Amino acid sequence: MEALRLSRRDAIASLVGLPALSALAAALTACGKKDVRGLPFGGRIVGPDAARGHLLRAGDLLSRPAVRTERVGTAIVGAGVSGLSAAWRLARESDTDFRVFDLEDAAGGTAISGANDVSAFPWGAHYVPVPASPNRALEAVLEEAGALVGRDADGAPEWAEEMLCREPEERLFFGYAWRPGLYPRDGAAPDDLAQLARFRREMNVLAARKDSKGRRAFAIPTRLSSEDPEFTGLDRITMAEWMRARGYTSPRLLWLAEYGCRDDFGTNLAGTSAWAGVHYNAARLPGEDDDEDPSDFLTWPEGNGRLVALLAKSAAGRLAASSLVFDVVPAPKPGAPVVLRVLDAAHNEVVAVEAAHAILALPKFVAARVLAPWRAAPPAFLEETSWAPWLVANLTLRARPKETGFPLAWDNVLHDSRSLGYVVATHQTGQEYGPTVFTYYLPFTDETPALARAKLLAASWDDLASAVLADLSTAHRDLPDLVARLDVVRWGHAMARPTPGFLSSPVRHLASVGGVHFAHADSAGLPLFEEAQDAGVRAAEAVLSSRGERFASQAAG
């Protein structure tokens, strides 16, 4: 029994670290609990059906005959943000001859959400920054969502106050107390603050830079960014190397820069392309002043699940959930159909689908197992791309924990933690007391993605819940007594990692093949809502163009 306990404790410590495990033991003792083997609440692992997705690995489905053949104008494979954005774009042109296939039971991909009696809450992405430059498709969706409520005399968007993240937005647990903002100012030396100010000035200068064609050096979507070697050359080195070359040595500034890489990319400074690291800091600045702040955030209790639900309305009646597309054969000649084979998991039947066009809104590692030519000869770029695993947990609390220092904010970050901390689902309601939901995020950045993924998928609910509670107990000693329920999602391949060289990867420049169009945030290399939406919109417009239809493009730029 003792050996089992030690093994289990080692598993928890490997997820969040020994200091966090010690904090959990102290917190449980303070609350009168026994130890990490007997958590005082329930919960479960929810989210993606890994077993269903892993059917693609075996290849057994390829030998199964189809029980019938169906026909559709456009088959959209994948109901994440890209696939749903493609459906939304087609529907805006009154094209309803499409069907969206997804292996999960509900649409949304990594932007899915949940809800309980306390609040709605995100299971992944939880905000969208206000666009720093015009983005027609994104603004149209935000207008449909009620976030964009008008325009001023200059035509600039006006945003719904209740959807702009309210104060306080951010706080940091540093030095045994909560502090305002994300930069650890307490105890900072003059040189620390000087480096921070210089870094921010440099980001504002880069945000304002444009090339000879008038393109921003760093833009969203990334395809609108300058291609001048002066800027793209940053992709040859890591963000750690760039910071070092620029004389940024302050541990506090390096922590802040690495937090951004972990937050958006699931990587650290040493694993992030310097181009991506600079883009994170500069692309969301307006680029018009040398002292501008980043864009405001639009957020909702359910996070980007709010936008997923809106986009999914375009596919109402045309969404085939629990449907695993395992084979896509491009059209061999013009006029011939794209042929898909689909496992209808609900009925355990294989169905053939003939489509004039197909949109593959899938991560590229999945597309490589689905698209027949790639399955026969896997593209070399797949070996150059890796996907970061994440753990996300939702803790339903009976009451708020006691606070030390700055009060509860929307985003609550732990300085000495492997995690990103948590966001508060009820923050936008203005309710300052009573039950709430904390959404906790842990990217795995300290080891290879494959090893981290294996560790994550092998862990039990009890291990994962204990790890989450251990980490948060470093800041909230009374948390064990307040948790009513703790559920977790394991994202084995949450996002593509923009490692050095990603800008030149062929995955960013894939053309359509035999009526098959590609659409996914992987195509940009940065795992952002804006990139996923742009990819889906452009794929849908490629389908419309191939049909000779006339339309006003909604694609950004």
Protein backbone atom coordinates (compact mmCIF):
# COMPACT_ATOMS: atom_id res chain seq x y z
CA MET A 1 0.00 0.00 0.00
CA GLU A 2 2.83 2.37 0.86
CA ALA A 3 4.54 1.73 -2.49
CA LEU A 4 1.29 2.48 -4.33
CA ARG A 5 0.87 5.70 -2.40
CA LEU A 6 4.39 6.88 -3.20
CA SER A 7 3.93 6.03 -6.85
CA ARG A 8 0.71 7.98 -6.94
CA ARG A 9 2.21 10.97 -5.14
CA ASP A 10 5.10 10.91 -7.59
CA ALA A 11 2.61 11.02 -10.46
CA ILE A 12 0.93 14.11 -8.96
CA ALA A 13 4.25 15.80 -8.26
CA SER A 14 5.38 15.23 -11.84
CA LEU A 15 2.37 17.20 -13.09
CA VAL A 16 2.63 20.27 -10.87
CA GLY A 17 5.85 19.95 -8.85
CA LEU A 18 6.81 19.01 -5.32
CA PRO A 19 6.20 22.43 -3.72
CA ALA A 20 2.58 22.30 -4.86
CA LEU A 21 2.17 18.80 -3.47
CA SER A 22 3.50 20.00 -0.12
CA ALA A 23 1.01 22.89 -0.22
CA LEU A 24 -1.84 20.45 -0.81
CA ALA A 25 -0.80 18.31 2.13
CA ALA A 26 -0.75 21.40 4.36
CA ALA A 27 -4.10 22.61 3.03
CA LEU A 28 -5.76 19.24 3.58
CA THR A 29 -4.37 19.08 7.11
CA ALA A 30 -5.68 22.58 7.82
CA CYS A 31 -9.11 21.52 6.62
CA GLY A 32 -9.08 18.34 8.69
CA LYS A 33 -8.73 16.02 5.69
CA LYS A 34 -6.57 12.91 5.60
CA ASP A 35 -4.31 13.00 2.54
CA VAL A 36 -4.33 13.16 -1.25
CA ARG A 37 -5.78 9.65 -1.52
CA GLY A 38 -9.18 10.78 -0.25
CA LEU A 39 -10.32 13.96 -1.97
CA PRO A 40 -13.36 15.57 -0.33
CA PHE A 41 -15.30 16.09 -3.60
CA GLY A 42 -16.27 14.30 -6.78
CA GLY A 43 -15.82 14.83 -10.50
CA ARG A 44 -14.82 13.10 -13.70
CA ILE A 45 -12.80 13.28 -16.90
CA VAL A 46 -14.91 14.82 -19.67
CA GLY A 47 -14.23 15.99 -23.20
CA PRO A 48 -12.83 14.41 -26.36
CA ASP A 49 -13.35 10.71 -27.00
CA ALA A 50 -9.72 9.65 -27.37
CA ALA A 51 -10.65 6.03 -28.09
CA ARG A 52 -12.85 7.04 -31.01
CA GLY A 53 -10.19 9.31 -32.43
CA HIS A 54 -7.52 6.64 -32.06
CA LEU A 55 -9.47 4.35 -34.41
CA LEU A 56 -7.63 6.22 -37.15
CA ARG A 57 -4.34 4.75 -35.97
CA ALA A 58 -5.26 1.12 -36.52
CA GLY A 59 -6.48 1.54 -40.09
CA ASP A 60 -9.04 -1.25 -39.65
CA LEU A 61 -11.84 0.98 -40.83
CA LEU A 62 -10.37 1.14 -44.32
CA SER A 63 -11.37 -2.46 -44.96
CA ARG A 64 -15.03 -1.95 -44.04
CA PRO A 65 -17.53 -1.55 -46.90
CA ALA A 66 -20.02 1.31 -46.99
CA VAL A 67 -23.67 0.40 -46.39
CA ARG A 68 -24.89 3.29 -48.56
CA THR A 69 -23.76 6.34 -50.50
CA GLU A 70 -24.94 9.88 -49.84
CA ARG A 71 -24.31 13.09 -51.80
CA VAL A 72 -23.73 16.68 -50.72
CA GLY A 73 -22.36 19.85 -52.31
CA THR A 74 -19.66 20.54 -49.71
CA ALA A 75 -18.47 18.17 -47.00
CA ILE A 76 -16.84 19.99 -44.08
CA VAL A 77 -14.69 17.68 -41.98
CA GLY A 78 -14.28 18.99 -38.45
CA ALA A 79 -16.62 21.12 -36.35
CA GLY A 80 -14.08 23.25 -34.53
CA VAL A 81 -13.86 27.00 -35.09
CA SER A 82 -12.48 26.57 -38.63
CA GLY A 83 -15.12 24.11 -39.79
CA LEU A 84 -17.97 26.06 -38.23
CA SER A 85 -16.61 29.29 -39.73
CA ALA A 86 -16.66 27.64 -43.16
CA ALA A 87 -20.29 26.64 -42.59
CA TRP A 88 -21.09 30.18 -41.38
CA ARG A 89 -19.52 31.70 -44.50
CA LEU A 90 -21.38 29.40 -46.89
CA ALA A 91 -24.66 30.05 -45.09
CA ARG A 92 -24.15 33.81 -45.44
CA GLU A 93 -24.22 33.28 -49.19
CA SER A 94 -27.42 31.22 -48.83
CA ASP A 95 -25.49 28.06 -49.69
CA THR A 96 -27.01 25.35 -47.52
CA ASP A 97 -25.89 22.37 -49.56
CA PHE A 98 -23.22 21.35 -47.09
CA ARG A 99 -22.78 18.99 -44.17
CA VAL A 100 -20.37 19.23 -41.23
CA PHE A 101 -18.91 15.99 -39.86
CA ASP A 102 -17.26 15.71 -36.45
CA LEU A 103 -16.18 12.70 -34.42
CA GLU A 104 -17.29 14.26 -31.13
CA ASP A 105 -20.85 14.34 -29.83
CA ALA A 106 -20.91 18.16 -29.86
CA ALA A 107 -19.33 20.86 -32.01
CA GLY A 108 -16.65 23.27 -30.86
CA GLY A 109 -13.24 21.59 -30.84
CA THR A 110 -10.97 23.17 -28.23
CA ALA A 111 -13.46 26.04 -27.80
CA ILE A 112 -16.21 23.89 -26.26
CA SER A 113 -17.91 24.97 -23.05
CA GLY A 114 -20.02 23.54 -20.27
CA ALA A 115 -22.51 24.71 -17.67
CA ASN A 116 -23.94 23.81 -14.29
CA ASP A 117 -26.25 25.38 -11.71
CA VAL A 118 -23.59 27.94 -10.80
CA SER A 119 -22.42 29.18 -14.18
CA ALA A 120 -21.47 28.44 -17.76
CA PHE A 121 -17.71 27.92 -18.15
CA PRO A 122 -15.09 27.31 -20.86
CA TRP A 123 -13.24 24.07 -21.53
CA GLY A 124 -10.62 25.81 -23.64
CA ALA A 125 -10.25 29.22 -25.25
CA HIS A 126 -11.98 31.85 -23.15
CA TYR A 127 -11.60 35.24 -24.85
CA VAL A 128 -11.10 37.11 -28.13
CA PRO A 129 -9.08 40.34 -28.20
CA VAL A 130 -10.79 43.35 -29.77
CA PRO A 131 -9.36 43.43 -33.33
CA ALA A 132 -6.38 45.80 -33.48
CA SER A 133 -6.90 46.25 -37.23
CA PRO A 134 -9.93 45.71 -39.51
CA ASN A 135 -11.11 42.11 -39.78
CA ARG A 136 -14.40 41.88 -41.67
CA ALA A 137 -15.33 38.29 -40.88
CA LEU A 138 -14.45 38.54 -37.20
CA GLU A 139 -16.31 41.82 -36.83
CA ALA A 140 -19.36 40.28 -38.53
CA VAL A 141 -19.40 37.37 -36.07
CA LEU A 142 -18.90 39.69 -33.11
CA GLU A 143 -21.75 41.86 -34.37
CA GLU A 144 -24.02 38.80 -34.56
CA ALA A 145 -22.93 37.94 -31.01
CA GLY A 146 -23.98 41.39 -29.79
CA ALA A 147 -20.42 42.40 -28.95
CA LEU A 148 -20.05 44.97 -31.74
CA VAL A 149 -22.90 47.41 -31.16
CA GLY A 150 -22.13 50.29 -33.51
CA ARG A 151 -19.47 52.51 -35.03
CA ASP A 152 -18.29 55.98 -34.18
CA ALA A 153 -18.06 58.95 -36.55
CA ASP A 154 -14.77 57.62 -37.93
CA GLY A 155 -16.20 54.14 -38.52
CA ALA A 156 -14.30 52.54 -35.64
CA PRO A 157 -16.18 49.70 -33.90
CA GLU A 158 -17.95 50.33 -30.61
CA TRP A 159 -18.12 47.38 -28.21
CA ALA A 160 -20.75 46.19 -25.75
CA GLU A 161 -19.57 47.22 -22.32
CA GLU A 162 -20.88 44.05 -20.69
CA MET A 163 -18.74 41.88 -22.99
CA LEU A 164 -15.51 43.83 -22.50
CA CYS A 165 -13.57 42.24 -19.67
CA ARG A 166 -14.34 44.24 -16.54
CA GLU A 167 -11.84 45.31 -13.93
CA PRO A 168 -9.89 43.90 -12.28
CA GLU A 169 -8.63 41.97 -15.29
CA GLU A 170 -5.45 40.36 -13.97
CA ARG A 171 -3.54 39.61 -10.81
CA LEU A 172 -0.41 37.66 -9.91
CA PHE A 173 0.31 35.48 -6.86
CA PHE A 174 3.87 36.49 -6.06
CA GLY A 175 5.69 36.57 -2.75
CA TYR A 176 2.87 34.84 -0.80
CA ALA A 177 0.26 37.45 -1.76
CA TRP A 178 -1.83 38.54 -4.74
CA ARG A 179 -0.55 41.59 -6.63
CA PRO A 180 -2.27 43.67 -9.36
CA GLY A 181 -1.31 43.03 -12.98
CA LEU A 182 0.93 40.31 -14.38
CA TYR A 183 4.37 41.87 -13.98
CA PRO A 184 5.96 41.10 -10.57
CA ARG A 185 6.70 44.70 -9.54
CA ASP A 186 7.16 44.16 -5.81
CA GLY A 187 10.87 44.19 -5.09
CA ALA A 188 11.82 44.96 -8.69
CA ALA A 189 15.18 46.70 -9.04
CA PRO A 190 15.55 49.87 -11.14
CA ASP A 191 17.18 47.82 -13.91
CA ASP A 192 14.22 45.40 -13.92
CA LEU A 193 11.80 48.27 -14.46
CA ALA A 194 14.05 49.92 -17.04
CA GLN A 195 14.19 46.70 -19.07
CA LEU A 196 10.40 46.34 -18.85
CA ALA A 197 9.90 49.90 -20.11
CA ARG A 198 12.40 49.38 -22.94
CA PHE A 199 10.75 46.10 -23.95
CA ARG A 200 7.32 47.74 -24.10
CA ARG A 201 8.67 50.65 -26.15
CA GLU A 202 10.28 48.23 -28.57
CA MET A 203 7.04 46.28 -28.98
CA ASN A 204 5.16 49.50 -29.73
CA VAL A 205 7.73 50.46 -32.33
CA LEU A 206 7.46 47.03 -33.97
CA ALA A 207 3.66 47.22 -33.85
CA ALA A 208 3.82 50.45 -35.86
CA ARG A 209 6.31 49.18 -38.45
CA LYS A 210 5.09 48.67 -42.00
CA ASP A 211 6.85 47.46 -45.10
CA SER A 212 7.02 49.01 -48.57
CA LYS A 213 3.66 47.43 -49.44
CA GLY A 214 1.97 48.97 -46.41
CA ARG A 215 1.68 45.69 -44.53
CA ARG A 216 2.13 45.62 -40.79
CA ALA A 217 5.27 43.83 -39.66
CA PHE A 218 3.14 41.70 -37.33
CA ALA A 219 -0.55 41.38 -38.11
CA ILE A 220 -3.59 39.24 -37.30
CA PRO A 221 -4.33 37.09 -39.26
CA THR A 222 -0.65 36.27 -39.71
CA ARG A 223 -0.95 35.96 -43.51
CA LEU A 224 -1.34 39.77 -43.59
CA SER A 225 2.06 40.24 -41.92
CA SER A 226 5.07 41.55 -43.80
CA GLU A 227 7.19 39.02 -45.61
CA ASP A 228 10.29 41.22 -45.53
CA PRO A 229 13.36 39.28 -44.38
CA GLU A 230 14.00 41.93 -41.73
CA PHE A 231 11.01 40.53 -39.88
CA THR A 232 10.66 36.94 -41.09
CA GLY A 233 14.31 36.35 -40.25
CA LEU A 234 13.28 36.28 -36.60
CA ASP A 235 11.81 32.85 -37.29
CA ARG A 236 15.32 31.40 -37.50
CA ILE A 237 15.99 31.88 -33.78
CA THR A 238 14.14 31.26 -30.52
CA MET A 239 12.50 33.94 -28.42
CA ALA A 240 15.07 33.17 -25.70
CA GLU A 241 17.89 33.96 -28.14
CA TRP A 242 16.17 37.15 -29.29
CA MET A 243 15.70 38.38 -25.73
CA ARG A 244 19.32 37.64 -24.91
CA ALA A 245 20.60 39.39 -28.05
CA ARG A 246 18.56 42.49 -27.19
CA GLY A 247 20.03 42.63 -23.70
CA TYR A 248 16.88 41.55 -21.89
CA THR A 249 18.25 39.70 -18.89
CA SER A 250 15.83 40.65 -16.09
CA PRO A 251 14.38 37.44 -14.61
CA ARG A 252 11.07 39.23 -14.09
CA LEU A 253 10.81 40.32 -17.71
CA LEU A 254 11.89 36.88 -18.92
CA TRP A 255 9.17 35.32 -16.78
CA LEU A 256 6.55 37.68 -18.27
CA ALA A 257 7.68 36.95 -21.83
CA GLU A 258 7.66 33.22 -21.17
CA TYR A 259 4.20 33.43 -19.64
CA GLY A 260 2.98 34.78 -22.99
CA CYS A 261 4.57 31.88 -24.87
CA ARG A 262 3.02 29.34 -22.50
CA ASP A 263 -0.36 31.07 -22.64
CA ASP A 264 -0.76 31.31 -26.41
CA PHE A 265 1.51 28.57 -27.73
CA GLY A 266 2.05 25.92 -25.05
CA THR A 267 5.81 26.44 -25.28
CA ASN A 268 8.59 28.20 -23.38
CA LEU A 269 11.03 30.89 -24.52
CA ALA A 270 13.56 28.32 -25.66
CA GLY A 271 10.98 26.51 -27.79
CA THR A 272 9.19 29.47 -29.39
CA SER A 273 10.11 31.11 -32.68
CA ALA A 274 11.22 34.68 -32.02
CA TRP A 275 8.83 35.80 -34.77
CA ALA A 276 5.91 34.20 -32.90
CA GLY A 277 7.09 35.61 -29.57
CA VAL A 278 7.30 39.15 -30.96
CA HIS A 279 3.97 38.69 -32.75
CA TYR A 280 2.31 37.81 -29.43
CA ASN A 281 3.45 41.12 -27.96
CA ALA A 282 3.14 43.43 -30.98
CA ALA A 283 0.27 42.25 -33.20
CA ARG A 284 -2.47 43.23 -30.77
CA LEU A 285 -1.19 46.75 -30.29
CA PRO A 286 -2.92 49.38 -32.45
CA GLY A 287 0.42 50.39 -33.91
CA GLU A 288 -0.40 54.08 -34.09
CA ASP A 289 1.33 55.47 -31.01
CA ASP A 290 4.53 54.78 -29.15
CA ASP A 291 2.66 54.35 -25.87
CA GLU A 292 -0.35 52.20 -26.75
CA ASP A 293 -1.84 49.45 -24.60
CA PRO A 294 -2.83 46.02 -25.96
CA SER A 295 -6.36 45.44 -27.21
CA ASP A 296 -9.17 44.95 -24.73
CA PHE A 297 -10.57 41.46 -24.25
CA LEU A 298 -14.07 40.30 -25.13
CA THR A 299 -15.11 37.47 -22.84
CA TRP A 300 -18.15 35.54 -21.65
CA PRO A 301 -18.82 33.08 -18.80
CA GLU A 302 -18.56 30.18 -21.28
CA GLY A 303 -15.57 31.73 -23.05
CA ASN A 304 -15.40 31.20 -26.79
CA GLY A 305 -18.15 28.63 -26.44
CA ARG A 306 -20.42 31.67 -26.92
CA LEU A 307 -19.04 32.18 -30.43
CA VAL A 308 -19.06 28.45 -31.17
CA ALA A 309 -22.78 28.30 -30.39
CA LEU A 310 -23.41 31.23 -32.73
CA LEU A 311 -21.39 29.71 -35.57
CA ALA A 312 -23.04 26.33 -35.06
CA LYS A 313 -26.45 27.86 -35.80
CA SER A 314 -25.33 28.11 -39.42
CA ALA A 315 -24.98 24.32 -39.48
CA ALA A 316 -28.29 23.60 -37.74
CA GLY A 317 -29.73 20.42 -39.25
CA ARG A 318 -26.54 19.85 -41.23
CA LEU A 319 -24.17 18.84 -38.43
CA ALA A 320 -23.36 15.13 -38.31
CA ALA A 321 -21.93 14.57 -34.83
CA SER A 322 -20.38 11.29 -33.69
CA SER A 323 -19.19 10.84 -37.28
CA LEU A 324 -15.57 9.87 -37.84
CA VAL A 325 -14.37 10.69 -41.35
CA PHE A 326 -11.53 8.22 -41.86
CA ASP A 327 -10.93 8.41 -45.61
CA VAL A 328 -10.95 11.35 -48.05
CA VAL A 329 -10.07 10.66 -51.68
CA PRO A 330 -9.62 13.82 -53.79
CA ALA A 331 -11.38 14.06 -57.13
CA PRO A 332 -9.21 12.37 -59.79
CA LYS A 333 -10.29 14.86 -62.48
CA PRO A 334 -12.42 18.00 -62.83
CA GLY A 335 -16.10 17.27 -62.43
CA ALA A 336 -15.54 14.06 -60.47
CA PRO A 337 -16.59 14.00 -56.80
CA VAL A 338 -14.47 13.93 -53.69
CA VAL A 339 -15.25 10.63 -51.96
CA LEU A 340 -15.35 10.40 -48.20
CA ARG A 341 -15.95 7.42 -45.97
CA VAL A 342 -17.50 8.06 -42.58
CA LEU A 343 -18.04 5.89 -39.51
CA ASP A 344 -21.44 6.69 -38.05
CA ALA A 345 -20.47 5.85 -34.47
CA ALA A 346 -24.03 5.94 -33.19
CA HIS A 347 -25.03 3.08 -35.52
CA ASN A 348 -21.59 1.55 -36.14
CA GLU A 349 -22.09 1.92 -39.90
CA VAL A 350 -19.74 3.07 -42.62
CA VAL A 351 -21.29 5.53 -45.06
CA ALA A 352 -19.77 6.79 -48.30
CA VAL A 353 -20.26 10.47 -49.12
CA GLU A 354 -19.72 12.00 -52.55
CA ALA A 355 -19.15 15.75 -52.52
CA ALA A 356 -18.33 18.34 -55.14
CA HIS A 357 -15.93 19.88 -52.61
CA ALA A 358 -14.51 18.99 -49.22
CA ILE A 359 -13.05 21.28 -46.56
CA LEU A 360 -10.60 19.57 -44.25
CA ALA A 361 -10.89 21.59 -41.03
CA LEU A 362 -8.64 19.20 -39.14
CA PRO A 363 -5.29 19.43 -37.36
CA LYS A 364 -2.68 18.37 -39.88
CA PHE A 365 -1.62 15.29 -37.91
CA VAL A 366 -5.23 14.05 -38.19
CA ALA A 367 -5.54 15.08 -41.83
CA ALA A 368 -2.45 12.99 -42.57
CA ARG A 369 -4.32 9.86 -41.49
CA VAL A 370 -7.51 10.83 -43.32
CA LEU A 371 -6.43 12.25 -46.70
CA ALA A 372 -5.60 9.29 -48.93
CA PRO A 373 -2.53 10.81 -50.71
CA TRP A 374 -1.00 11.85 -47.38
CA ARG A 375 -1.71 8.49 -45.83
CA ALA A 376 0.18 6.82 -48.69
CA ALA A 377 3.10 9.25 -48.52
CA PRO A 378 3.14 11.30 -45.28
CA PRO A 379 4.32 14.88 -45.93
CA ALA A 380 7.71 15.77 -44.47
CA PHE A 381 6.30 18.86 -42.73
CA LEU A 382 4.43 16.66 -40.26
CA GLU A 383 7.75 15.67 -38.73
CA GLU A 384 8.55 19.36 -38.21
CA THR A 385 5.33 20.19 -36.35
CA SER A 386 4.42 19.29 -32.78
CA TRP A 387 1.25 19.83 -30.80
CA ALA A 388 1.17 20.88 -27.16
CA PRO A 389 -0.89 18.89 -24.61
CA TRP A 390 -2.94 20.77 -22.02
CA LEU A 391 -4.96 19.99 -18.91
CA VAL A 392 -8.04 22.12 -18.25
CA ALA A 393 -10.09 21.79 -15.08
CA ASN A 394 -13.29 23.40 -13.87
CA LEU A 395 -13.66 23.72 -10.11
CA THR A 396 -17.18 24.45 -8.90
CA LEU A 397 -16.89 26.26 -5.55
CA ARG A 398 -19.49 26.65 -2.83
CA ALA A 399 -17.89 29.97 -1.87
CA ARG A 400 -14.88 32.12 -2.70
CA PRO A 401 -11.54 31.45 -0.99
CA LYS A 402 -10.10 33.96 1.44
CA GLU A 403 -7.83 36.49 -0.25
CA THR A 404 -4.41 37.82 0.66
CA GLY A 405 -3.62 41.09 -1.06
CA PHE A 406 -5.24 42.19 -4.33
CA PRO A 407 -8.83 40.94 -4.79
CA LEU A 408 -10.12 38.23 -7.12
CA ALA A 409 -9.74 39.16 -10.81
CA TRP A 410 -10.82 37.65 -14.13
CA ASP A 411 -7.38 36.14 -14.81
CA ASN A 412 -5.48 34.88 -11.77
CA VAL A 413 -1.89 33.76 -12.40
CA LEU A 414 0.51 31.91 -10.11
CA HIS A 415 4.10 33.11 -10.53
CA ASP A 416 5.84 30.00 -9.18
CA SER A 417 3.76 27.43 -11.02
CA ARG A 418 3.85 25.37 -14.17
CA SER A 419 0.23 26.33 -14.78
CA LEU A 420 -1.30 29.55 -16.07
CA GLY A 421 -3.57 29.81 -13.03
CA TYR A 422 -7.31 30.23 -13.55
CA VAL A 423 -10.05 32.48 -14.88
CA VAL A 424 -13.31 33.13 -13.02
CA ALA A 425 -16.42 32.19 -15.00
CA THR A 426 -18.71 34.49 -13.02
CA HIS A 427 -16.43 37.54 -13.27
CA GLN A 428 -18.48 39.31 -15.94
CA THR A 429 -21.64 39.11 -13.80
CA GLY A 430 -20.16 41.44 -11.19
CA GLN A 431 -21.10 39.01 -8.44
CA GLU A 432 -18.39 39.31 -5.80
CA TYR A 433 -19.48 36.59 -3.39
CA GLY A 434 -21.07 33.16 -3.24
CA PRO A 435 -20.59 30.14 -5.52
CA THR A 436 -18.41 30.42 -8.61
CA VAL A 437 -16.40 28.35 -11.10
CA PHE A 438 -12.62 28.56 -11.52
CA THR A 439 -11.28 27.36 -14.90
CA TYR A 440 -7.68 26.18 -14.49
CA TYR A 441 -5.15 25.82 -17.32
CA LEU A 442 -1.97 23.75 -17.33
CA PRO A 443 0.13 23.60 -20.53
CA PHE A 444 2.90 21.00 -20.60
CA THR A 445 6.04 22.87 -21.62
CA ASP A 446 8.84 21.27 -19.61
CA GLU A 447 9.21 18.06 -21.60
CA THR A 448 8.62 16.70 -25.08
CA PRO A 449 4.98 16.81 -26.16
CA ALA A 450 4.92 13.04 -26.68
CA LEU A 451 6.12 12.33 -23.14
CA ALA A 452 3.77 14.90 -21.63
CA ARG A 453 0.86 13.53 -23.64
CA ALA A 454 1.54 9.99 -22.46
CA LYS A 455 1.71 11.19 -18.85
CA LEU A 456 -1.51 13.17 -19.21
CA LEU A 457 -3.51 10.37 -20.83
CA ALA A 458 -2.27 7.78 -18.33
CA ALA A 459 -3.32 9.82 -15.29
CA SER A 460 -6.57 9.05 -13.52
CA TRP A 461 -9.18 11.62 -12.53
CA ASP A 462 -7.98 11.32 -8.95
CA ASP A 463 -4.39 12.06 -9.98
CA LEU A 464 -5.38 15.04 -12.12
CA ALA A 465 -7.81 16.50 -9.59
CA SER A 466 -5.19 16.16 -6.85
CA ALA A 467 -2.61 17.88 -9.05
CA VAL A 468 -4.96 20.81 -9.74
CA LEU A 469 -5.85 21.18 -6.08
CA ALA A 470 -2.18 20.93 -5.11
CA ASP A 471 -1.21 23.76 -7.43
CA LEU A 472 -4.01 26.09 -6.38
CA SER A 473 -3.48 25.34 -2.70
CA THR A 474 -0.21 27.28 -2.88
CA ALA A 475 -2.37 30.41 -3.15
CA HIS A 476 -5.61 29.23 -1.51
CA ARG A 477 -5.08 27.16 1.63
CA ASP A 478 -8.83 26.91 2.27
CA LEU A 479 -9.69 25.62 -1.20
CA PRO A 480 -10.20 21.91 -0.31
CA ASP A 481 -13.19 22.81 1.88
CA LEU A 482 -14.77 24.97 -0.84
CA VAL A 483 -14.67 22.64 -3.86
CA ALA A 484 -18.03 21.01 -4.58
CA ARG A 485 -16.89 19.36 -7.79
CA LEU A 486 -13.80 19.22 -10.01
CA ASP A 487 -14.00 18.02 -13.62
CA VAL A 488 -11.09 17.85 -16.07
CA VAL A 489 -10.44 17.73 -19.80
CA ARG A 490 -7.27 16.27 -21.26
CA TRP A 491 -6.31 17.95 -24.54
CA GLY A 492 -3.66 15.63 -25.96
CA HIS A 493 -3.06 17.83 -29.02
CA ALA A 494 -4.40 21.20 -27.92
CA MET A 495 -2.43 23.42 -30.30
CA ALA A 496 0.37 23.50 -32.84
CA ARG A 497 3.59 24.89 -31.38
CA PRO A 498 5.29 27.71 -33.38
CA THR A 499 8.86 26.50 -33.04
CA PRO A 500 11.66 28.15 -35.09
CA GLY A 501 11.14 27.58 -38.80
CA PHE A 502 7.34 27.38 -38.67
CA LEU A 503 6.91 30.39 -40.97
CA SER A 504 8.53 28.58 -43.89
CA SER A 505 6.71 25.29 -43.33
CA PRO A 506 4.75 24.08 -46.37
CA VAL A 507 1.75 23.57 -44.08
CA ARG A 508 1.21 27.33 -44.21
CA HIS A 509 0.89 27.34 -47.99
CA LEU A 510 -1.19 24.30 -48.80
CA ALA A 511 -3.22 24.61 -51.99
CA SER A 512 -6.43 22.75 -52.64
CA VAL A 513 -6.04 19.23 -54.02
CA GLY A 514 -8.70 17.63 -56.22
CA GLY A 515 -11.58 19.60 -54.71
CA VAL A 516 -10.22 19.31 -51.16
CA HIS A 517 -9.55 22.62 -49.40
CA PHE A 518 -7.57 23.00 -46.17
CA ALA A 519 -8.81 25.02 -43.20
CA HIS A 520 -7.35 25.01 -39.71
CA ALA A 521 -5.36 27.26 -37.38
CA ASP A 522 -2.43 24.91 -38.13
CA SER A 523 -2.30 26.56 -41.55
CA ALA A 524 -1.18 29.77 -39.85
CA GLY A 525 1.03 28.10 -37.28
CA LEU A 526 -0.44 30.16 -34.43
CA PRO A 527 -3.30 28.62 -32.42
CA LEU A 528 -5.58 31.66 -32.29
CA PHE A 529 -9.35 32.04 -32.77
CA GLU A 530 -8.72 34.69 -35.42
CA GLU A 531 -6.49 32.33 -37.41
CA ALA A 532 -8.95 29.44 -37.20
CA GLN A 533 -11.85 31.62 -38.30
CA ASP A 534 -9.88 33.17 -41.14
CA ALA A 535 -8.86 29.74 -42.43
CA GLY A 536 -12.46 28.51 -42.45
CA VAL A 537 -13.78 31.64 -44.13
CA ARG A 538 -11.14 31.52 -46.86
CA ALA A 539 -11.77 27.83 -47.52
CA ALA A 540 -15.49 28.49 -47.93
CA GLU A 541 -14.77 31.38 -50.27
CA ALA A 542 -12.47 29.14 -52.30
CA VAL A 543 -15.41 26.77 -52.76
CA LEU A 544 -17.65 29.65 -53.81
CA SER A 545 -15.03 30.94 -56.25
CA SER A 546 -14.55 27.53 -57.83
CA ARG A 547 -18.26 27.49 -58.60
CA GLY A 548 -18.00 30.84 -60.33
CA GLU A 549 -20.21 32.53 -57.74
CA ARG A 550 -19.95 36.29 -57.21
CA PHE A 551 -19.68 37.49 -53.64
CA ALA A 552 -18.12 40.19 -51.50
CA SER A 553 -15.22 38.59 -49.66
CA GLN A 554 -15.39 38.53 -45.87
CA ALA A 555 -11.79 37.37 -45.48
CA ALA A 556 -9.60 39.79 -43.56
CA GLY A 557 -7.50 41.99 -45.80
